[in-house]
């Protein structure tokens, strides 16, 4: 019962893990496990024997009830002896049954606690790696969004540059046509045409 209480007590995971690994690492832990298995088998045999005794005593009680009606007062002494044996055999059966049940619960609880600690270790390991992968994924997503934003900005700037080139060419053509018209009215030759 103390071992069961230790297993179900909410202790910090690190402390519980240290204690359980220390207990399982003891040199005589394997021998203790074998001894507990043999004890379990012995108690199972005692339980089966006590169930047989209860059945036999029940048969004797039934026979005693039929003989009491026939014989009278002499059988009452035998009847109390049969009732005492019935009580003892039932007590033994209940004690063995509860002991078997407790040992099964203790074994299963121990296995569940070990599985739980292993699962918690895996979860904490995965959280550590998933945090790194989440950070890397977040960084990659941020970089992709930054690249997409920069590509859009570059495309917009290229478009602005093309627009400015077209406007510059149009302004240059207009400037030349206006300067040609002005030169034609004034009769002077433009400086860039003198070189030709």
N, C-alpha and C. Protein backbone atom coordinates (compact mmCIF):
# COMPACT_ATOMS: atom_id res chain seq x y z
N UNK A 1 0.83 -1.19 0.00
CA UNK A 1 0.00 0.00 0.00
C UNK A 1 0.87 1.25 0.00
N UNK A 2 2.02 1.18 0.68
CA UNK A 2 2.94 2.31 0.66
C UNK A 2 3.50 2.55 -0.73
N UNK A 3 3.83 1.47 -1.43
CA UNK A 3 4.34 1.61 -2.80
C UNK A 3 3.27 2.20 -3.70
N UNK A 4 2.02 1.76 -3.53
CA UNK A 4 0.93 2.30 -4.33
C UNK A 4 0.73 3.78 -4.04
N UNK A 5 0.78 4.16 -2.77
CA UNK A 5 0.64 5.58 -2.43
C UNK A 5 1.78 6.41 -3.01
N UNK A 6 3.00 5.86 -3.02
CA UNK A 6 4.11 6.57 -3.63
C UNK A 6 3.88 6.77 -5.12
N UNK A 7 3.36 5.73 -5.79
CA UNK A 7 3.15 5.82 -7.24
C UNK A 7 2.07 6.83 -7.62
N UNK A 8 1.02 6.94 -6.79
CA UNK A 8 -0.09 7.83 -7.15
C UNK A 8 0.05 9.23 -6.55
N UNK A 9 1.03 9.44 -5.68
CA UNK A 9 1.24 10.77 -5.10
C UNK A 9 1.77 11.71 -6.17
N UNK A 10 1.17 12.90 -6.28
CA UNK A 10 1.64 13.85 -7.31
C UNK A 10 2.97 14.49 -6.90
N UNK A 11 4.04 13.86 -7.31
CA UNK A 11 5.39 14.37 -7.04
C UNK A 11 5.94 15.04 -8.29
N UNK A 12 6.94 15.89 -8.14
CA UNK A 12 7.58 16.45 -9.34
C UNK A 12 8.18 15.32 -10.18
N UNK A 13 8.09 15.50 -11.49
CA UNK A 13 8.52 14.44 -12.42
C UNK A 13 9.99 14.08 -12.23
N UNK A 14 10.83 15.06 -12.02
CA UNK A 14 12.26 14.80 -11.89
C UNK A 14 12.54 13.95 -10.64
N UNK A 15 11.88 14.29 -9.52
CA UNK A 15 12.09 13.54 -8.28
C UNK A 15 11.60 12.11 -8.43
N UNK A 16 10.39 11.94 -9.00
CA UNK A 16 9.83 10.60 -9.18
C UNK A 16 10.71 9.75 -10.09
N UNK A 17 11.21 10.39 -11.16
CA UNK A 17 12.05 9.66 -12.11
C UNK A 17 13.34 9.21 -11.44
N UNK A 18 13.94 10.10 -10.64
CA UNK A 18 15.18 9.73 -9.94
C UNK A 18 14.95 8.55 -9.00
N UNK A 19 13.85 8.60 -8.26
CA UNK A 19 13.58 7.53 -7.29
C UNK A 19 13.30 6.21 -8.01
N UNK A 20 12.47 6.24 -9.05
CA UNK A 20 12.15 5.00 -9.76
C UNK A 20 13.36 4.41 -10.48
N UNK A 21 14.18 5.26 -11.08
CA UNK A 21 15.37 4.74 -11.74
C UNK A 21 16.37 4.22 -10.72
N UNK A 22 16.45 4.86 -9.56
CA UNK A 22 17.34 4.38 -8.51
C UNK A 22 16.86 3.02 -7.99
N UNK A 23 15.54 2.87 -7.83
CA UNK A 23 15.01 1.59 -7.36
C UNK A 23 15.18 0.48 -8.40
N UNK A 24 14.97 0.82 -9.66
CA UNK A 24 15.11 -0.21 -10.68
C UNK A 24 16.59 -0.51 -10.95
N UNK A 25 17.48 0.39 -10.58
CA UNK A 25 18.90 0.18 -10.79
C UNK A 25 19.60 -0.55 -9.66
N UNK A 26 18.86 -0.86 -8.59
CA UNK A 26 19.46 -1.59 -7.47
C UNK A 26 19.90 -2.98 -7.92
N UNK A 27 20.99 -3.49 -7.33
CA UNK A 27 21.49 -4.80 -7.77
C UNK A 27 20.51 -5.95 -7.49
N UNK A 28 19.70 -5.82 -6.47
CA UNK A 28 18.79 -6.92 -6.13
C UNK A 28 17.38 -6.67 -6.65
N UNK A 29 17.17 -5.69 -7.53
CA UNK A 29 15.84 -5.38 -8.05
C UNK A 29 15.29 -6.53 -8.88
N UNK A 30 16.14 -7.17 -9.66
CA UNK A 30 15.69 -8.30 -10.48
C UNK A 30 15.25 -9.46 -9.58
N UNK A 31 16.03 -9.71 -8.54
CA UNK A 31 15.69 -10.80 -7.61
C UNK A 31 14.39 -10.47 -6.87
N UNK A 32 14.21 -9.22 -6.53
CA UNK A 32 12.98 -8.80 -5.86
C UNK A 32 11.77 -9.00 -6.77
N UNK A 33 11.91 -8.69 -8.06
CA UNK A 33 10.81 -8.88 -9.00
C UNK A 33 10.45 -10.36 -9.12
N UNK A 34 11.45 -11.23 -9.17
CA UNK A 34 11.18 -12.67 -9.24
C UNK A 34 10.50 -13.15 -7.96
N UNK A 35 10.97 -12.66 -6.81
CA UNK A 35 10.37 -13.02 -5.53
C UNK A 35 8.91 -12.58 -5.47
N UNK A 36 8.62 -11.38 -5.97
CA UNK A 36 7.24 -10.90 -5.96
C UNK A 36 6.36 -11.75 -6.88
N UNK A 37 6.89 -12.21 -7.99
CA UNK A 37 6.10 -13.08 -8.88
C UNK A 37 5.78 -14.41 -8.20
N UNK A 38 6.78 -14.98 -7.52
CA UNK A 38 6.52 -16.24 -6.82
C UNK A 38 5.53 -16.03 -5.68
N UNK A 39 5.62 -14.90 -5.00
CA UNK A 39 4.67 -14.59 -3.93
C UNK A 39 3.26 -14.46 -4.50
N UNK A 40 3.15 -13.81 -5.65
CA UNK A 40 1.86 -13.68 -6.31
C UNK A 40 1.28 -15.05 -6.65
N UNK A 41 2.11 -15.94 -7.17
CA UNK A 41 1.65 -17.29 -7.51
C UNK A 41 1.23 -18.05 -6.25
N UNK A 42 1.99 -17.88 -5.18
CA UNK A 42 1.65 -18.54 -3.91
C UNK A 42 0.32 -18.03 -3.38
N UNK A 43 0.11 -16.72 -3.43
CA UNK A 43 -1.16 -16.15 -2.96
C UNK A 43 -2.31 -16.60 -3.85
N UNK A 44 -2.05 -16.75 -5.15
CA UNK A 44 -3.09 -17.26 -6.05
C UNK A 44 -3.48 -18.69 -5.67
N UNK A 45 -2.49 -19.50 -5.33
CA UNK A 45 -2.79 -20.88 -4.90
C UNK A 45 -3.59 -20.85 -3.60
N UNK A 46 -3.21 -19.98 -2.65
CA UNK A 46 -3.97 -19.85 -1.40
C UNK A 46 -5.40 -19.39 -1.67
N UNK A 47 -5.58 -18.51 -2.63
CA UNK A 47 -6.92 -18.02 -2.97
C UNK A 47 -7.77 -19.17 -3.53
N UNK A 48 -7.19 -19.95 -4.40
CA UNK A 48 -7.93 -21.08 -4.97
C UNK A 48 -8.30 -22.08 -3.88
N UNK A 49 -7.36 -22.33 -2.96
CA UNK A 49 -7.63 -23.23 -1.85
C UNK A 49 -8.73 -22.69 -0.95
N UNK A 50 -8.70 -21.38 -0.68
CA UNK A 50 -9.73 -20.80 0.19
C UNK A 50 -11.10 -20.82 -0.49
N UNK A 51 -11.15 -20.67 -1.79
CA UNK A 51 -12.43 -20.77 -2.50
C UNK A 51 -12.95 -22.20 -2.39
N UNK A 52 -12.07 -23.20 -2.53
CA UNK A 52 -12.49 -24.60 -2.35
C UNK A 52 -13.00 -24.85 -0.93
N UNK A 53 -12.33 -24.30 0.06
CA UNK A 53 -12.77 -24.48 1.46
C UNK A 53 -14.12 -23.82 1.69
N UNK A 54 -14.33 -22.65 1.13
CA UNK A 54 -15.63 -21.98 1.29
C UNK A 54 -16.72 -22.84 0.67
N UNK A 55 -16.43 -23.41 -0.49
CA UNK A 55 -17.43 -24.27 -1.14
C UNK A 55 -17.74 -25.49 -0.27
N UNK A 56 -16.70 -26.13 0.28
CA UNK A 56 -16.90 -27.31 1.13
C UNK A 56 -17.67 -26.94 2.39
N UNK A 57 -17.36 -25.80 2.99
CA UNK A 57 -18.06 -25.38 4.20
C UNK A 57 -19.52 -25.06 3.87
N UNK A 58 -19.77 -24.50 2.71
CA UNK A 58 -21.16 -24.22 2.31
C UNK A 58 -21.96 -25.52 2.20
N UNK A 59 -21.29 -26.54 1.67
CA UNK A 59 -21.96 -27.85 1.57
C UNK A 59 -22.24 -28.39 2.97
N UNK A 60 -21.28 -28.24 3.88
CA UNK A 60 -21.48 -28.70 5.26
C UNK A 60 -22.58 -27.92 5.96
N UNK A 61 -22.66 -26.62 5.69
CA UNK A 61 -23.73 -25.80 6.29
C UNK A 61 -25.08 -26.26 5.79
N UNK A 62 -25.16 -26.58 4.51
CA UNK A 62 -26.44 -27.06 3.97
C UNK A 62 -26.81 -28.39 4.61
N UNK A 63 -25.82 -29.28 4.79
CA UNK A 63 -26.08 -30.56 5.44
C UNK A 63 -26.48 -30.36 6.90
N UNK A 64 -25.83 -29.37 7.55
CA UNK A 64 -26.14 -29.11 8.97
C UNK A 64 -27.56 -28.59 9.12
N UNK A 65 -28.01 -27.76 8.20
CA UNK A 65 -29.38 -27.26 8.27
C UNK A 65 -30.39 -28.39 8.13
N UNK A 66 -30.10 -29.33 7.26
CA UNK A 66 -31.04 -30.45 7.10
C UNK A 66 -30.99 -31.38 8.32
N UNK A 67 -29.80 -31.55 8.93
CA UNK A 67 -29.70 -32.45 10.09
C UNK A 67 -30.22 -31.79 11.37
N UNK A 68 -30.20 -30.43 11.45
CA UNK A 68 -30.72 -29.74 12.64
C UNK A 68 -32.21 -30.00 12.76
N UNK A 69 -32.87 -29.99 11.69
CA UNK A 69 -34.31 -30.24 11.72
C UNK A 69 -34.59 -31.65 12.23
N UNK A 70 -33.68 -32.56 11.91
CA UNK A 70 -33.91 -33.94 12.31
C UNK A 70 -33.43 -34.23 13.73
N UNK A 71 -32.27 -33.73 14.15
CA UNK A 71 -31.68 -34.16 15.42
C UNK A 71 -32.00 -33.25 16.59
N UNK A 72 -32.06 -31.96 16.40
CA UNK A 72 -32.39 -31.11 17.53
C UNK A 72 -31.19 -30.40 18.10
N UNK A 73 -30.97 -30.49 19.46
CA UNK A 73 -30.03 -29.66 20.20
C UNK A 73 -28.58 -30.12 20.09
N UNK A 74 -28.27 -31.37 19.88
CA UNK A 74 -26.91 -31.89 19.83
C UNK A 74 -26.13 -31.31 18.66
N UNK A 75 -26.80 -31.01 17.62
CA UNK A 75 -26.16 -30.53 16.40
C UNK A 75 -25.79 -29.05 16.52
N UNK A 76 -26.34 -28.34 17.45
CA UNK A 76 -26.06 -26.90 17.55
C UNK A 76 -24.58 -26.64 17.85
N UNK A 77 -23.92 -27.53 18.60
CA UNK A 77 -22.50 -27.38 18.87
C UNK A 77 -21.72 -27.57 17.57
N UNK A 78 -22.08 -28.57 16.80
CA UNK A 78 -21.43 -28.79 15.51
C UNK A 78 -21.70 -27.62 14.56
N UNK A 79 -22.90 -27.11 14.64
CA UNK A 79 -23.29 -26.01 13.76
C UNK A 79 -22.44 -24.77 14.02
N UNK A 80 -22.17 -24.45 15.29
CA UNK A 80 -21.33 -23.29 15.60
C UNK A 80 -19.90 -23.51 15.13
N UNK A 81 -19.43 -24.77 15.20
CA UNK A 81 -18.10 -25.07 14.68
C UNK A 81 -18.06 -24.89 13.16
N UNK A 82 -19.09 -25.31 12.49
CA UNK A 82 -19.17 -25.14 11.03
C UNK A 82 -19.23 -23.66 10.68
N UNK A 83 -19.99 -22.88 11.44
CA UNK A 83 -20.08 -21.44 11.18
C UNK A 83 -18.72 -20.76 11.38
N UNK A 84 -17.96 -21.22 12.40
CA UNK A 84 -16.63 -20.65 12.63
C UNK A 84 -15.70 -21.00 11.47
N UNK A 85 -15.75 -22.24 11.00
CA UNK A 85 -14.93 -22.61 9.85
C UNK A 85 -15.35 -21.83 8.61
N UNK A 86 -16.66 -21.62 8.47
CA UNK A 86 -17.14 -20.83 7.34
C UNK A 86 -16.58 -19.40 7.42
N UNK A 87 -16.61 -18.83 8.60
CA UNK A 87 -16.09 -17.48 8.78
C UNK A 87 -14.60 -17.42 8.44
N UNK A 88 -13.81 -18.37 8.94
CA UNK A 88 -12.37 -18.37 8.69
C UNK A 88 -12.05 -18.59 7.22
N UNK A 89 -12.76 -19.48 6.59
CA UNK A 89 -12.49 -19.73 5.17
C UNK A 89 -12.89 -18.53 4.32
N UNK A 90 -14.00 -17.89 4.65
CA UNK A 90 -14.39 -16.69 3.90
C UNK A 90 -13.40 -15.56 4.13
N UNK A 91 -12.95 -15.42 5.39
CA UNK A 91 -11.96 -14.39 5.69
C UNK A 91 -10.69 -14.62 4.87
N UNK A 92 -10.20 -15.85 4.84
CA UNK A 92 -9.00 -16.16 4.06
C UNK A 92 -9.21 -15.89 2.57
N UNK A 93 -10.39 -16.24 2.07
CA UNK A 93 -10.67 -16.01 0.66
C UNK A 93 -10.66 -14.50 0.36
N UNK A 94 -11.29 -13.70 1.21
CA UNK A 94 -11.32 -12.25 0.99
C UNK A 94 -9.91 -11.64 1.10
N UNK A 95 -9.16 -12.08 2.11
CA UNK A 95 -7.80 -11.55 2.26
C UNK A 95 -6.92 -11.89 1.05
N UNK A 96 -6.98 -13.12 0.62
CA UNK A 96 -6.19 -13.52 -0.56
C UNK A 96 -6.67 -12.80 -1.81
N UNK A 97 -7.98 -12.67 -1.97
CA UNK A 97 -8.53 -11.97 -3.14
C UNK A 97 -8.12 -10.51 -3.16
N UNK A 98 -8.23 -9.84 -2.03
CA UNK A 98 -7.84 -8.42 -1.98
C UNK A 98 -6.34 -8.26 -2.21
N UNK A 99 -5.55 -9.19 -1.67
CA UNK A 99 -4.10 -9.12 -1.87
C UNK A 99 -3.75 -9.31 -3.35
N UNK A 100 -4.40 -10.26 -4.00
CA UNK A 100 -4.19 -10.46 -5.43
C UNK A 100 -4.59 -9.21 -6.22
N UNK A 101 -5.75 -8.69 -5.87
CA UNK A 101 -6.25 -7.50 -6.57
C UNK A 101 -5.30 -6.32 -6.37
N UNK A 102 -4.83 -6.12 -5.15
CA UNK A 102 -3.90 -5.02 -4.87
C UNK A 102 -2.59 -5.21 -5.61
N UNK A 103 -2.10 -6.44 -5.68
CA UNK A 103 -0.83 -6.66 -6.39
C UNK A 103 -1.01 -6.41 -7.89
N UNK A 104 -2.15 -6.79 -8.46
CA UNK A 104 -2.41 -6.49 -9.87
C UNK A 104 -2.50 -4.99 -10.11
N UNK A 105 -3.18 -4.29 -9.22
CA UNK A 105 -3.30 -2.84 -9.36
C UNK A 105 -1.93 -2.18 -9.22
N UNK A 106 -1.14 -2.65 -8.26
CA UNK A 106 0.19 -2.09 -8.05
C UNK A 106 1.08 -2.30 -9.28
N UNK A 107 1.04 -3.50 -9.84
CA UNK A 107 1.84 -3.80 -11.03
C UNK A 107 1.40 -2.91 -12.20
N UNK A 108 0.10 -2.80 -12.41
CA UNK A 108 -0.41 -2.00 -13.54
C UNK A 108 -0.11 -0.51 -13.32
N UNK A 109 -0.26 -0.03 -12.09
CA UNK A 109 0.02 1.38 -11.80
C UNK A 109 1.50 1.68 -12.03
N UNK A 110 2.37 0.77 -11.62
CA UNK A 110 3.80 0.96 -11.85
C UNK A 110 4.10 1.06 -13.34
N UNK A 111 3.49 0.17 -14.13
CA UNK A 111 3.71 0.21 -15.58
C UNK A 111 3.17 1.50 -16.19
N UNK A 112 2.01 1.95 -15.71
CA UNK A 112 1.43 3.19 -16.23
C UNK A 112 2.28 4.42 -15.86
N UNK A 113 2.82 4.43 -14.66
CA UNK A 113 3.66 5.55 -14.25
C UNK A 113 4.93 5.59 -15.09
N UNK A 114 5.53 4.43 -15.35
CA UNK A 114 6.72 4.39 -16.21
C UNK A 114 6.39 4.85 -17.63
N UNK A 115 5.25 4.40 -18.16
CA UNK A 115 4.83 4.85 -19.50
C UNK A 115 4.58 6.35 -19.52
N UNK A 116 3.96 6.85 -18.46
CA UNK A 116 3.68 8.28 -18.38
C UNK A 116 4.97 9.09 -18.35
N UNK A 117 5.94 8.65 -17.56
CA UNK A 117 7.22 9.38 -17.51
C UNK A 117 7.92 9.34 -18.86
N UNK A 118 7.88 8.20 -19.54
CA UNK A 118 8.50 8.09 -20.86
C UNK A 118 7.81 9.01 -21.87
N UNK A 119 6.48 9.05 -21.80
CA UNK A 119 5.72 9.92 -22.71
C UNK A 119 6.01 11.39 -22.42
N UNK A 120 6.13 11.75 -21.14
CA UNK A 120 6.44 13.14 -20.80
C UNK A 120 7.84 13.51 -21.27
N UNK A 121 8.77 12.58 -21.18
CA UNK A 121 10.13 12.85 -21.68
C UNK A 121 10.10 13.07 -23.19
N UNK A 122 9.34 12.23 -23.91
CA UNK A 122 9.23 12.39 -25.36
C UNK A 122 8.58 13.73 -25.71
N UNK A 123 7.54 14.09 -24.97
CA UNK A 123 6.85 15.35 -25.24
C UNK A 123 7.79 16.53 -25.01
N UNK A 124 8.53 16.48 -23.91
CA UNK A 124 9.45 17.60 -23.65
C UNK A 124 10.55 17.65 -24.71
N UNK A 125 11.01 16.49 -25.17
CA UNK A 125 12.02 16.47 -26.23
C UNK A 125 11.44 17.01 -27.53
N UNK A 126 10.20 16.62 -27.83
CA UNK A 126 9.56 17.11 -29.05
C UNK A 126 9.26 18.59 -28.97
N UNK A 127 8.90 19.06 -27.77
CA UNK A 127 8.65 20.50 -27.61
C UNK A 127 9.92 21.29 -27.89
N UNK A 128 11.05 20.79 -27.39
CA UNK A 128 12.32 21.47 -27.63
C UNK A 128 12.63 21.51 -29.11
N UNK A 129 12.48 20.37 -29.80
CA UNK A 129 12.79 20.34 -31.24
C UNK A 129 11.71 21.06 -32.02
N UNK A 130 10.46 20.97 -31.56
CA UNK A 130 9.40 21.66 -32.29
C UNK A 130 9.53 23.17 -32.12
N UNK A 131 9.99 23.60 -30.96
CA UNK A 131 10.21 25.04 -30.79
C UNK A 131 11.26 25.53 -31.76
N UNK A 132 12.34 24.74 -31.91
CA UNK A 132 13.37 25.11 -32.87
C UNK A 132 12.82 25.10 -34.29
N UNK A 133 12.06 24.05 -34.61
CA UNK A 133 11.51 23.96 -35.96
C UNK A 133 10.44 25.03 -36.18
N UNK A 134 9.67 25.35 -35.14
CA UNK A 134 8.67 26.41 -35.27
C UNK A 134 9.37 27.74 -35.48
N UNK A 135 10.47 27.96 -34.73
CA UNK A 135 11.22 29.20 -34.91
C UNK A 135 11.79 29.27 -36.32
N UNK A 136 12.35 28.15 -36.78
CA UNK A 136 12.92 28.13 -38.14
C UNK A 136 11.83 28.31 -39.18
N UNK A 137 10.69 27.69 -38.95
CA UNK A 137 9.57 27.82 -39.90
C UNK A 137 9.04 29.25 -39.88
N UNK A 138 8.95 29.83 -38.70
CA UNK A 138 8.50 31.22 -38.60
C UNK A 138 9.47 32.14 -39.30
N UNK A 139 10.77 31.90 -39.09
CA UNK A 139 11.78 32.71 -39.74
C UNK A 139 11.71 32.55 -41.25
N UNK A 140 11.53 31.32 -41.73
CA UNK A 140 11.42 31.07 -43.16
C UNK A 140 10.18 31.76 -43.73
N UNK A 141 9.07 31.70 -42.99
CA UNK A 141 7.85 32.36 -43.44
C UNK A 141 8.04 33.86 -43.49
N UNK A 142 8.70 34.39 -42.45
CA UNK A 142 8.97 35.84 -42.45
C UNK A 142 9.88 36.22 -43.61
N UNK A 143 10.88 35.40 -43.88
CA UNK A 143 11.79 35.68 -45.00
C UNK A 143 11.05 35.61 -46.33
N UNK A 144 10.17 34.63 -46.49
CA UNK A 144 9.40 34.52 -47.72
C UNK A 144 8.50 35.73 -47.91
N UNK A 145 7.86 36.16 -46.83
CA UNK A 145 6.98 37.33 -46.95
C UNK A 145 7.80 38.58 -47.24
N UNK A 146 8.99 38.68 -46.65
CA UNK A 146 9.87 39.82 -46.92
C UNK A 146 10.33 39.80 -48.37
N UNK A 147 10.68 38.61 -48.88
CA UNK A 147 11.11 38.49 -50.28
C UNK A 147 9.96 38.88 -51.21
N UNK A 148 8.75 38.40 -50.90
CA UNK A 148 7.60 38.74 -51.74
C UNK A 148 7.35 40.25 -51.72
N UNK A 149 7.46 40.85 -50.54
CA UNK A 149 7.24 42.30 -50.43
C UNK A 149 8.30 43.06 -51.23
N UNK A 150 9.56 42.62 -51.11
CA UNK A 150 10.64 43.29 -51.83
C UNK A 150 10.50 43.11 -53.35
N UNK A 151 10.05 41.93 -53.78
CA UNK A 151 9.84 41.71 -55.22
C UNK A 151 8.74 42.62 -55.76
N UNK A 152 7.67 42.78 -54.98
CA UNK A 152 6.60 43.69 -55.39
C UNK A 152 7.11 45.12 -55.48
N UNK A 153 7.89 45.51 -54.47
CA UNK A 153 8.43 46.86 -54.47
C UNK A 153 9.38 47.07 -55.65
N UNK A 154 10.20 46.05 -55.96
CA UNK A 154 11.11 46.13 -57.10
C UNK A 154 10.32 46.24 -58.41
N UNK A 155 9.26 45.45 -58.54
CA UNK A 155 8.44 45.52 -59.75
C UNK A 155 7.80 46.90 -59.88
N UNK A 156 7.34 47.45 -58.76
CA UNK A 156 6.74 48.79 -58.79
C UNK A 156 7.79 49.84 -59.18
N UNK A 157 8.99 49.69 -58.65
CA UNK A 157 10.05 50.65 -58.98
C UNK A 157 10.46 50.51 -60.45
N UNK A 158 10.52 49.27 -60.96
CA UNK A 158 10.81 49.08 -62.39
C UNK A 158 9.74 49.75 -63.25
N UNK A 159 8.50 49.59 -62.83
CA UNK A 159 7.41 50.21 -63.57
C UNK A 159 7.54 51.74 -63.51
N UNK A 160 7.86 52.26 -62.32
CA UNK A 160 8.06 53.71 -62.19
C UNK A 160 9.22 54.18 -63.07
N UNK A 161 10.30 53.38 -63.10
CA UNK A 161 11.45 53.73 -63.93
C UNK A 161 11.08 53.76 -65.41
N UNK A 162 10.33 52.76 -65.86
CA UNK A 162 9.88 52.75 -67.25
C UNK A 162 9.00 53.95 -67.55
N UNK A 163 8.14 54.28 -66.61
CA UNK A 163 7.27 55.45 -66.79
C UNK A 163 8.11 56.72 -66.87
N UNK A 164 9.11 56.82 -66.00
CA UNK A 164 9.98 58.01 -66.02
C UNK A 164 10.77 58.08 -67.32
N UNK A 165 11.24 56.96 -67.85
CA UNK A 165 11.96 56.95 -69.13
C UNK A 165 11.06 57.44 -70.25
N UNK A 166 9.82 56.93 -70.26
CA UNK A 166 8.88 57.36 -71.30
C UNK A 166 8.60 58.87 -71.19
N UNK A 167 8.41 59.32 -69.94
CA UNK A 167 8.16 60.74 -69.75
C UNK A 167 9.37 61.57 -70.16
N UNK A 168 10.57 61.07 -69.82
CA UNK A 168 11.80 61.78 -70.19
C UNK A 168 11.95 61.85 -71.70
N UNK A 169 11.66 60.73 -72.38
CA UNK A 169 11.74 60.74 -73.85
C UNK A 169 10.71 61.69 -74.44
N UNK A 170 9.51 61.66 -73.88
CA UNK A 170 8.46 62.55 -74.39
C UNK A 170 8.83 64.00 -74.15
N UNK A 171 9.37 64.30 -72.95
CA UNK A 171 9.78 65.68 -72.66
C UNK A 171 10.95 66.10 -73.55
N UNK A 172 11.87 65.18 -73.79
CA UNK A 172 13.01 65.49 -74.65
C UNK A 172 12.55 65.79 -76.08
N UNK A 173 11.64 64.98 -76.61
CA UNK A 173 11.09 65.21 -77.94
C UNK A 173 10.36 66.55 -78.00
N UNK A 174 9.59 66.81 -76.97
CA UNK A 174 8.84 68.07 -76.93
C UNK A 174 9.80 69.25 -76.85
N UNK A 175 10.84 69.10 -76.04
CA UNK A 175 11.84 70.17 -75.92
C UNK A 175 12.50 70.44 -77.27
N UNK A 176 12.89 69.35 -77.94
CA UNK A 176 13.54 69.53 -79.24
C UNK A 176 12.57 70.16 -80.26
N UNK A 177 11.32 69.73 -80.26
CA UNK A 177 10.39 70.31 -81.23
C UNK A 177 10.12 71.78 -80.92
N UNK A 178 10.01 72.12 -79.63
CA UNK A 178 9.78 73.52 -79.27
C UNK A 178 11.02 74.34 -79.58
N UNK A 179 12.22 73.80 -79.29
CA UNK A 179 13.43 74.56 -79.58
C UNK A 179 13.62 74.70 -81.09
N UNK A 180 13.26 73.66 -81.88
CA UNK A 180 13.34 73.80 -83.33
C UNK A 180 12.38 74.87 -83.84
N UNK A 181 11.20 74.87 -83.29
CA UNK A 181 10.23 75.89 -83.71
C UNK A 181 10.72 77.28 -83.32
N UNK A 182 11.27 77.41 -82.17
CA UNK A 182 11.77 78.71 -81.72
C UNK A 182 12.95 79.15 -82.56
N UNK A 183 13.83 78.22 -82.88
CA UNK A 183 14.98 78.54 -83.73
C UNK A 183 14.52 78.88 -85.15
N UNK A 184 13.53 78.21 -85.63
CA UNK A 184 13.04 78.50 -86.97
C UNK A 184 12.45 79.91 -87.03
N UNK A 185 11.81 80.34 -86.01
CA UNK A 185 11.24 81.68 -85.98
C UNK A 185 12.34 82.72 -85.84
N UNK A 186 13.31 82.42 -85.03
CA UNK A 186 14.36 83.40 -84.82
C UNK A 186 15.44 83.32 -85.88
N UNK A 187 15.54 82.25 -86.62
CA UNK A 187 16.50 82.10 -87.69
C UNK A 187 17.85 81.63 -87.23
N UNK A 188 17.98 81.20 -86.03
CA UNK A 188 19.28 80.71 -85.57
C UNK A 188 19.31 79.20 -85.64
N UNK A 189 20.53 78.69 -85.76
CA UNK A 189 20.71 77.25 -85.85
C UNK A 189 21.05 76.76 -84.45
N UNK A 190 20.42 75.69 -84.03
CA UNK A 190 20.73 75.18 -82.69
C UNK A 190 22.15 74.70 -82.59
N UNK A 191 22.68 74.74 -81.38
CA UNK A 191 24.10 74.42 -81.15
C UNK A 191 24.38 72.97 -81.44
N UNK A 192 23.47 72.09 -81.19
CA UNK A 192 23.73 70.67 -81.44
C UNK A 192 23.70 70.37 -82.94
N UNK A 193 23.04 71.19 -83.77
CA UNK A 193 23.01 70.98 -85.20
C UNK A 193 24.22 71.57 -85.87
N UNK A 194 24.89 72.56 -85.21
CA UNK A 194 26.10 73.15 -85.77
C UNK A 194 27.20 72.13 -85.84
N UNK A 195 27.23 71.23 -84.92
CA UNK A 195 28.28 70.22 -84.88
C UNK A 195 28.10 69.20 -85.99
N UNK A 196 26.91 68.99 -86.44
CA UNK A 196 26.68 67.99 -87.47
C UNK A 196 27.18 68.48 -88.74
